Amino acid sequence: MQDLAFLMNSNGLFVWDFDEKKGDLNVVDGFETACLATIFTNSRLDESQVSPPLGRSGWIGNIQTAIEPREIGGKTWGLENQKVTTYLLTQLKEAVSRAFDWMLKDKIARNINVSCSFIYDKIDVVVRITARDGAAYETVLTWKNTNAFTNTIDKNTRG
C-alpha cells in the first residue's frame, strides 16, 4: 500500500517527508503512515473514562453519525502517565487493537495482531499486519517514561 511518508523532526513532531531535489513529497510502500496516524491520532474518551466533557479530547475530524460513526485514532493517550502493570498492558493492547479495526473493516488488512510488553524501562507495542495481498508488516512502537513515541520500525515481507 503506497502512502505519503512522515518523519519525526528534531522537535519530536511528525512532518511530511519532502524531497527538495524532486520538489515532491516522498512516499512509502507499506503501512508506516497509516500506523502512525492510527496510533497517534486521539479518539475521544468515553464519559466512563473522563467525566468532564472538555477533558475527553479527541480529533475534531472524527465523525459521529447515527448511521455509522467513523473515528480515526485510538485511546492510548488516555493511558499515559499510569503506573505500568499487567492490567495497563492489557488495556493498551485492547486500545491499540480497537484503533486498528478500521483496517479490517475497510478490508485493507486480512489480520492484525497486537502484543504489548514491558522491558526494563519501556513499553513495546508490536503491531503485525497481514495485508489483503498476503504481505506481512510489523511496526514496533516504544513508550519510554512518559514519552509517547521514541521508535518505530516498519518491516515489509512478502508472505
C-alpha atoms as a PDB file:
ATOM      1  CA  MET A   1       0.000   0.000   0.000  1.00  0.00           C
ATOM      2  CA  GLN A   2       1.551   3.290  -1.047  1.00  0.00           C
ATOM      3  CA  ASP A   3       1.150   6.328   1.202  1.00  0.00           C
ATOM      4  CA  LEU A   4       2.793   9.672   1.914  1.00  0.00           C
ATOM      5  CA  ALA A   5       5.848   9.423   4.170  1.00  0.00           C
ATOM      6  CA  PHE A   6       6.154  11.033   7.589  1.00  0.00           C
ATOM      7  CA  LEU A   7       9.312  11.696   9.552  1.00  0.00           C
ATOM      8  CA  MET A   8       9.910  12.888  13.049  1.00  0.00           C
ATOM      9  CA  ASN A   9      11.705  16.230  13.183  1.00  0.00           C
ATOM     10  CA  SER A  10      14.166  17.352  15.878  1.00  0.00           C
ATOM     11  CA  ASN A  11      11.264  18.685  17.979  1.00  0.00           C
ATOM     12  CA  GLY A  12       9.607  15.258  18.071  1.00  0.00           C
ATOM     13  CA  LEU A  13       6.831  16.312  15.695  1.00  0.00           C
ATOM     14  CA  PHE A  14       5.773  14.327  12.647  1.00  0.00           C
ATOM     15  CA  VAL A  15       6.033  16.189   9.351  1.00  0.00           C
ATOM     16  CA  TRP A  16       5.603  15.188   5.718  1.00  0.00           C
ATOM     17  CA  ASP A  17       8.856  13.924   4.210  1.00  0.00           C
ATOM     18  CA  PHE A  18       9.638  16.383   1.418  1.00  0.00           C
ATOM     19  CA  ASP A  19      12.373  15.755  -1.151  1.00  0.00           C
ATOM     20  CA  GLU A  20      13.760  19.169  -2.091  1.00  0.00           C
ATOM     21  CA  LYS A  21      15.632  17.786  -5.133  1.00  0.00           C
ATOM     22  CA  LYS A  22      12.469  16.298  -6.651  1.00  0.00           C
ATOM     23  CA  GLY A  23      10.253  19.068  -5.323  1.00  0.00           C
ATOM     24  CA  ASP A  24       7.740  16.482  -4.180  1.00  0.00           C
ATOM     25  CA  LEU A  25       6.599  14.544  -1.153  1.00  0.00           C
ATOM     26  CA  ASN A  26       8.208  11.145  -0.578  1.00  0.00           C
ATOM     27  CA  VAL A  27       6.067   8.032  -0.398  1.00  0.00           C
ATOM     28  CA  VAL A  28       6.342   4.727   1.434  1.00  0.00           C
ATOM     29  CA  ASP A  29       5.170   1.332   0.269  1.00  0.00           C
ATOM     30  CA  GLY A  30       3.682  -0.021   3.449  1.00  0.00           C
ATOM     31  CA  PHE A  31       1.606   0.813   6.483  1.00  0.00           C
ATOM     32  CA  GLU A  32       4.044   3.179   8.248  1.00  0.00           C
ATOM     33  CA  THR A  33       1.956   6.327   7.811  1.00  0.00           C
ATOM     34  CA  ALA A  34      -1.321   4.529   8.486  1.00  0.00           C
ATOM     35  CA  CYS A  35       0.157   3.060  11.693  1.00  0.00           C
ATOM     36  CA  LEU A  36       1.430   6.435  12.908  1.00  0.00           C
ATOM     37  CA  ALA A  37      -1.899   8.127  12.167  1.00  0.00           C
ATOM     38  CA  THR A  38      -3.811   5.292  13.817  1.00  0.00           C
ATOM     39  CA  ILE A  39      -1.750   5.278  16.997  1.00  0.00           C
ATOM     40  CA  PHE A  40      -1.074   8.986  17.440  1.00  0.00           C
ATOM     41  CA  THR A  41      -4.426  10.466  16.454  1.00  0.00           C
ATOM     42  CA  ASN A  42      -6.561  10.750  19.568  1.00  0.00           C
ATOM     43  CA  SER A  43     -10.094   9.481  19.523  1.00  0.00           C
ATOM     44  CA  ARG A  44     -12.464  10.853  22.137  1.00  0.00           C
ATOM     45  CA  LEU A  45     -12.580   9.143  25.516  1.00  0.00           C
ATOM     46  CA  ASP A  46     -15.890   7.905  26.880  1.00  0.00           C
ATOM     47  CA  GLU A  47     -17.682   9.523  29.814  1.00  0.00           C
ATOM     48  CA  SER A  48     -16.750   6.470  31.914  1.00  0.00           C
ATOM     49  CA  GLN A  49     -13.052   7.230  31.299  1.00  0.00           C
ATOM     50  CA  VAL A  50     -13.138  11.016  31.879  1.00  0.00           C
ATOM     51  CA  SER A  51     -16.210  12.790  33.224  1.00  0.00           C
ATOM     52  CA  PRO A  52     -15.688  16.448  32.233  1.00  0.00           C
ATOM     53  CA  PRO A  53     -16.513  16.736  28.505  1.00  0.00           C
ATOM     54  CA  LEU A  54     -13.596  19.102  27.839  1.00  0.00           C
ATOM     55  CA  GLY A  55     -11.161  16.541  29.271  1.00  0.00           C
ATOM     56  CA  ARG A  56     -12.203  13.836  26.796  1.00  0.00           C
ATOM     57  CA  SER A  57     -10.246  15.427  23.941  1.00  0.00           C
ATOM     58  CA  GLY A  58     -10.291  13.688  20.571  1.00  0.00           C
ATOM     59  CA  TRP A  59      -9.550  14.660  16.998  1.00  0.00           C
ATOM     60  CA  ILE A  60     -12.024  17.177  15.634  1.00  0.00           C
ATOM     61  CA  GLY A  61     -12.190  15.352  12.281  1.00  0.00           C
ATOM     62  CA  ASN A  62     -13.755  12.240  13.783  1.00  0.00           C
ATOM     63  CA  ILE A  63     -17.353  11.949  12.644  1.00  0.00           C
ATOM     64  CA  GLN A  64     -20.172  10.799  14.886  1.00  0.00           C
ATOM     65  CA  THR A  65     -23.321   9.990  12.929  1.00  0.00           C
ATOM     66  CA  ALA A  66     -26.355   7.916  13.789  1.00  0.00           C
ATOM     67  CA  ILE A  67     -25.724   5.639  10.797  1.00  0.00           C
ATOM     68  CA  GLU A  68     -22.036   4.844  11.106  1.00  0.00           C
ATOM     69  CA  PRO A  69     -19.627   6.609  13.445  1.00  0.00           C
ATOM     70  CA  ARG A  70     -16.123   6.796  11.934  1.00  0.00           C
ATOM     71  CA  GLU A  71     -13.150   7.509  14.132  1.00  0.00           C
ATOM     72  CA  ILE A  72      -9.506   7.681  13.254  1.00  0.00           C
ATOM     73  CA  GLY A  73      -7.083   7.036  16.047  1.00  0.00           C
ATOM     74  CA  GLY A  74      -7.084   5.384  19.379  1.00  0.00           C
ATOM     75  CA  LYS A  75      -7.464   5.944  23.067  1.00  0.00           C
ATOM     76  CA  THR A  76      -3.897   5.112  24.027  1.00  0.00           C
ATOM     77  CA  TRP A  77      -3.353   8.740  25.063  1.00  0.00           C
ATOM     78  CA  GLY A  78      -5.783   8.181  27.937  1.00  0.00           C
ATOM     79  CA  LEU A  79      -3.379   5.610  29.384  1.00  0.00           C
ATOM     80  CA  GLU A  80      -0.374   7.929  29.531  1.00  0.00           C
ATOM     81  CA  ASN A  81       1.200   8.608  32.923  1.00  0.00           C
ATOM     82  CA  GLN A  82      -0.291   5.498  34.503  1.00  0.00           C
ATOM     83  CA  LYS A  83       1.761   3.052  36.506  1.00  0.00           C
ATOM     84  CA  VAL A  84       2.880   0.086  34.387  1.00  0.00           C
ATOM     85  CA  THR A  85       1.003  -3.014  35.493  1.00  0.00           C
ATOM     86  CA  THR A  86      -0.251  -6.144  33.782  1.00  0.00           C
ATOM     87  CA  TYR A  87      -3.690  -4.527  33.708  1.00  0.00           C
ATOM     88  CA  LEU A  88      -2.308  -1.431  31.940  1.00  0.00           C
ATOM     89  CA  LEU A  89      -0.625  -3.627  29.295  1.00  0.00           C
ATOM     90  CA  THR A  90      -3.949  -5.403  28.750  1.00  0.00           C
ATOM     91  CA  GLN A  91      -5.752  -2.048  28.388  1.00  0.00           C
ATOM     92  CA  LEU A  92      -3.061  -0.809  25.995  1.00  0.00           C
ATOM     93  CA  LYS A  93      -3.300  -3.930  23.827  1.00  0.00           C
ATOM     94  CA  GLU A  94      -7.085  -3.555  23.660  1.00  0.00           C
ATOM     95  CA  ALA A  95      -6.878   0.175  22.828  1.00  0.00           C
ATOM     96  CA  VAL A  96      -4.339  -0.405  20.043  1.00  0.00           C
ATOM     97  CA  SER A  97      -6.319  -3.350  18.632  1.00  0.00           C
ATOM     98  CA  ARG A  98      -9.505  -1.265  18.542  1.00  0.00           C
ATOM     99  CA  ALA A  99      -7.664   1.611  16.876  1.00  0.00           C
ATOM    100  CA  PHE A 100      -6.673  -0.708  14.009  1.00  0.00           C
ATOM    101  CA  ASP A 101     -10.179  -2.144  13.496  1.00  0.00           C
ATOM    102  CA  TRP A 102     -10.737   0.271  10.601  1.00  0.00           C
ATOM    103  CA  MET A 103      -8.161  -1.639   8.513  1.00  0.00           C
ATOM    104  CA  LEU A 104     -10.130  -4.859   8.911  1.00  0.00           C
ATOM    105  CA  LYS A 105     -13.479  -3.138   8.325  1.00  0.00           C
ATOM    106  CA  ASP A 106     -12.199  -1.414   5.161  1.00  0.00           C
ATOM    107  CA  LYS A 107     -10.594  -4.711   4.030  1.00  0.00           C
ATOM    108  CA  ILE A 108      -7.117  -3.180   3.797  1.00  0.00           C
ATOM    109  CA  ALA A 109      -5.811  -5.927   6.056  1.00  0.00           C
ATOM    110  CA  ARG A 110      -6.703  -9.590   6.500  1.00  0.00           C
ATOM    111  CA  ASN A 111      -5.345  -9.885  10.018  1.00  0.00           C
ATOM    112  CA  ILE A 112      -3.934  -7.639  12.736  1.00  0.00           C
ATOM    113  CA  ASN A 113      -2.129  -8.946  15.794  1.00  0.00           C
ATOM    114  CA  VAL A 114      -1.086  -6.671  18.667  1.00  0.00           C
ATOM    115  CA  SER A 115       1.218  -7.538  21.553  1.00  0.00           C
ATOM    116  CA  CYS A 116       2.460  -5.361  24.414  1.00  0.00           C
ATOM    117  CA  SER A 117       5.379  -5.967  26.734  1.00  0.00           C
ATOM    118  CA  PHE A 118       7.261  -4.092  29.435  1.00  0.00           C
ATOM    119  CA  ILE A 119      11.025  -4.487  29.170  1.00  0.00           C
ATOM    120  CA  TYR A 120      13.298  -2.670  31.619  1.00  0.00           C
ATOM    121  CA  ASP A 121      12.052   0.922  31.470  1.00  0.00           C
ATOM    122  CA  LYS A 122       9.960   0.891  28.311  1.00  0.00           C
ATOM    123  CA  ILE A 123       6.772  -0.490  26.820  1.00  0.00           C
ATOM    124  CA  ASP A 124       6.975  -2.063  23.381  1.00  0.00           C
ATOM    125  CA  VAL A 125       3.836  -2.381  21.293  1.00  0.00           C
ATOM    126  CA  VAL A 126       4.205  -4.662  18.285  1.00  0.00           C
ATOM    127  CA  VAL A 127       1.564  -4.441  15.561  1.00  0.00           C
ATOM    128  CA  ARG A 128       1.683  -7.202  12.938  1.00  0.00           C
ATOM    129  CA  ILE A 129      -0.459  -6.605   9.885  1.00  0.00           C
ATOM    130  CA  THR A 130      -1.208  -9.078   7.133  1.00  0.00           C
ATOM    131  CA  ALA A 131      -2.329  -7.111   4.089  1.00  0.00           C
ATOM    132  CA  ARG A 132      -5.036  -8.445   1.820  1.00  0.00           C
ATOM    133  CA  ASP A 133      -2.347  -9.432  -0.737  1.00  0.00           C
ATOM    134  CA  GLY A 134      -0.570 -11.541   1.912  1.00  0.00           C
ATOM    135  CA  ALA A 135       2.309  -9.124   2.586  1.00  0.00           C
ATOM    136  CA  ALA A 136       3.289  -9.033   6.255  1.00  0.00           C
ATOM    137  CA  TYR A 137       4.135  -5.774   8.015  1.00  0.00           C
ATOM    138  CA  GLU A 138       5.421  -5.235  11.517  1.00  0.00           C
ATOM    139  CA  THR A 139       5.555  -1.933  13.368  1.00  0.00           C
ATOM    140  CA  VAL A 140       7.197  -1.587  16.767  1.00  0.00           C
ATOM    141  CA  LEU A 141       6.219   1.416  18.872  1.00  0.00           C
ATOM    142  CA  THR A 142       8.114   2.197  22.043  1.00  0.00           C
ATOM    143  CA  TRP A 143       6.975   4.277  25.010  1.00  0.00           C
ATOM    144  CA  LYS A 144       9.698   5.263  27.454  1.00  0.00           C
ATOM    145  CA  ASN A 145       8.923   7.179  30.641  1.00  0.00           C
ATOM    146  CA  THR A 146       6.066   9.461  29.591  1.00  0.00           C
ATOM    147  CA  ASN A 147       7.302   9.992  26.038  1.00  0.00           C
ATOM    148  CA  ALA A 148       4.528   8.645  23.869  1.00  0.00           C
ATOM    149  CA  PHE A 149       6.869   7.882  20.993  1.00  0.00           C
ATOM    150  CA  THR A 150      10.523   7.033  20.770  1.00  0.00           C
ATOM    151  CA  ASN A 151      10.913   4.497  17.990  1.00  0.00           C
ATOM    152  CA  THR A 152       9.116   2.868  15.085  1.00  0.00           C
ATOM    153  CA  ILE A 153      10.203   0.147  12.725  1.00  0.00           C
ATOM    154  CA  ASP A 154       8.175  -0.958   9.733  1.00  0.00           C
ATOM    155  CA  LYS A 155       9.152  -4.237   8.147  1.00  0.00           C
ATOM    156  CA  ASN A 156       7.590  -5.466   4.943  1.00  0.00           C
ATOM    157  CA  THR A 157       7.923  -9.105   3.991  1.00  0.00           C
ATOM    158  CA  ARG A 158       6.061 -10.993   1.331  1.00  0.00           C
ATOM    159  CA  GLY A 159       4.212 -13.870   2.915  1.00  0.00           C
END
